[in-house]
Amino acid sequence: MSTCQSCNKEFNGRSNRKFCSISCKNKFHNDRNKEKEYKVLEINKILHKNWVTLHKLYDIYRSSPISMDVAQAYGYNNDYFTHIHNSPIGEKYTMIYDLGFKNHIDNKIQIIVID
């Protein structure tokens, strides 16, 4: 007799069988992956909010420099971004998908869109 790893019921079957049914097998693996997926979903939610915030700010200010405090007041979280883009002239842009910004010395940012 074996014990199901999901529901702990005893069942008869092959010696290497771990679950009493397909539904228990699915539940076990779904529960195991839920934590990992939750973390990814939370990060994606923050990235999406950052993208929406930058998009709103770009619609308002275009490429005029704005204070990072303004971006944070709109809900921008500076800890989350997708990548760093290096321009052909050596400038570094913090990117969130297709939107990004260049940091200026005086705590200002300049938002850009890369097609």
Protein backbone atom coordinates (compact mmCIF):
# COMPACT_ATOMS: atom_id res chain seq x y z
CA MET A 1 0.00 0.00 0.00
CA SER A 2 1.08 3.55 -0.76
CA THR A 3 0.02 6.87 0.74
CA CYS A 4 -1.10 9.71 -1.52
CA GLN A 5 1.22 12.73 -1.23
CA SER A 6 -1.71 15.09 -1.65
CA CYS A 7 -4.61 13.78 0.44
CA ASN A 8 -2.74 11.17 2.58
CA LYS A 9 -5.22 8.41 1.68
CA GLU A 10 -3.86 4.90 1.32
CA PHE A 11 -4.27 3.29 -2.09
CA ASN A 12 -3.21 0.19 -4.02
CA GLY A 13 -1.10 0.49 -7.12
CA ARG A 14 2.41 0.34 -8.49
CA SER A 15 5.17 0.76 -5.94
CA ASN A 16 6.40 4.00 -7.54
CA ARG A 17 2.95 5.60 -7.72
CA LYS A 18 2.72 8.74 -5.55
CA PHE A 19 -0.89 9.89 -5.93
CA CYS A 20 -4.24 8.16 -5.64
CA SER A 21 -5.77 10.05 -8.58
CA ILE A 22 -5.02 12.53 -11.35
CA SER A 23 -6.88 15.25 -9.43
CA CYS A 24 -4.64 14.74 -6.37
CA LYS A 25 -1.56 14.84 -8.59
CA ASN A 26 -2.75 18.10 -10.19
CA LYS A 27 -3.64 19.63 -6.80
CA PHE A 28 -0.22 18.73 -5.37
CA HIS A 29 1.70 20.32 -8.25
CA ASN A 30 -0.59 23.37 -8.44
CA ASP A 31 -0.15 24.01 -4.71
CA ARG A 32 3.61 23.56 -4.97
CA ASN A 33 3.91 26.03 -7.85
CA LYS A 34 1.46 28.57 -6.39
CA GLU A 35 4.11 30.24 -4.19
CA LYS A 36 6.52 30.72 -7.09
CA GLU A 37 3.76 32.02 -9.35
CA TYR A 38 2.53 34.38 -6.64
CA LYS A 39 5.94 36.06 -6.42
CA VAL A 40 6.09 36.46 -10.20
CA LEU A 41 2.56 37.88 -10.30
CA GLU A 42 3.38 40.39 -7.56
CA ILE A 43 6.49 41.58 -9.39
CA ASN A 44 4.59 41.81 -12.68
CA LYS A 45 1.90 43.86 -10.94
CA ILE A 46 4.53 46.35 -9.71
CA LEU A 47 6.19 46.48 -13.15
CA HIS A 48 2.84 47.11 -14.82
CA LYS A 49 2.00 49.88 -12.34
CA ASN A 50 5.41 51.46 -13.00
CA TRP A 51 4.81 51.26 -16.76
CA VAL A 52 1.37 52.88 -16.44
CA THR A 53 2.84 55.61 -14.22
CA LEU A 54 5.65 56.39 -16.66
CA HIS A 55 3.16 56.39 -19.53
CA LYS A 56 0.91 58.91 -17.73
CA LEU A 57 3.90 61.10 -16.93
CA TYR A 58 5.13 60.88 -20.53
CA ASP A 59 1.70 61.96 -21.79
CA ILE A 60 1.81 64.98 -19.47
CA TYR A 61 5.45 66.05 -19.66
CA ARG A 62 6.74 64.37 -22.85
CA SER A 63 10.53 64.45 -22.69
CA SER A 64 10.80 67.42 -20.30
CA PRO A 65 12.80 66.60 -17.16
CA ILE A 66 10.65 66.03 -14.07
CA SER A 67 11.49 65.37 -10.44
CA MET A 68 11.72 61.74 -9.34
CA ASP A 69 9.58 62.83 -6.38
CA VAL A 70 6.75 63.59 -8.83
CA ALA A 71 7.06 60.10 -10.34
CA GLN A 72 7.01 58.54 -6.88
CA ALA A 73 3.99 60.65 -5.93
CA TYR A 74 2.21 59.11 -8.94
CA GLY A 75 3.08 55.65 -7.57
CA TYR A 76 6.37 54.83 -9.31
CA ASN A 77 8.51 52.27 -7.41
CA ASN A 78 12.18 52.89 -8.23
CA ASP A 79 13.22 49.38 -7.11
CA TYR A 80 11.54 47.58 -10.03
CA PHE A 81 12.47 47.85 -13.71
CA THR A 82 12.98 45.40 -16.57
CA HIS A 83 16.42 46.34 -17.90
CA ILE A 84 19.04 49.02 -18.52
CA HIS A 85 19.33 50.40 -22.06
CA ASN A 86 22.61 51.88 -23.27
CA SER A 87 22.10 54.45 -26.01
CA PRO A 88 24.52 54.71 -28.95
CA ILE A 89 26.02 57.84 -27.37
CA GLY A 90 26.64 56.10 -24.04
CA GLU A 91 23.67 57.31 -21.98
CA LYS A 92 22.05 54.78 -19.63
CA TYR A 93 18.26 54.50 -19.42
CA THR A 94 16.35 52.60 -16.76
CA MET A 95 13.66 50.75 -18.73
CA ILE A 96 10.25 49.27 -18.06
CA TYR A 97 9.46 47.41 -21.25
CA ASP A 98 9.42 50.14 -23.96
CA LEU A 99 9.40 53.15 -21.61
CA GLY A 100 12.44 54.40 -19.77
CA PHE A 101 14.11 57.36 -18.20
CA LYS A 102 17.50 58.94 -17.91
CA ASN A 103 18.64 60.16 -14.49
CA HIS A 104 19.86 63.72 -14.21
CA ILE A 105 22.15 64.97 -11.44
CA ASP A 106 19.47 67.08 -9.73
CA ASN A 107 17.11 64.13 -8.92
CA LYS A 108 15.23 64.70 -12.17
CA ILE A 109 14.39 62.15 -14.84
CA GLN A 110 13.71 62.45 -18.54
CA ILE A 111 11.23 59.89 -19.89
CA ILE A 112 11.72 58.31 -23.31
CA VAL A 113 9.94 55.75 -25.48
CA ILE A 114 11.97 53.21 -27.44
CA ASP A 115 10.17 51.69 -30.41
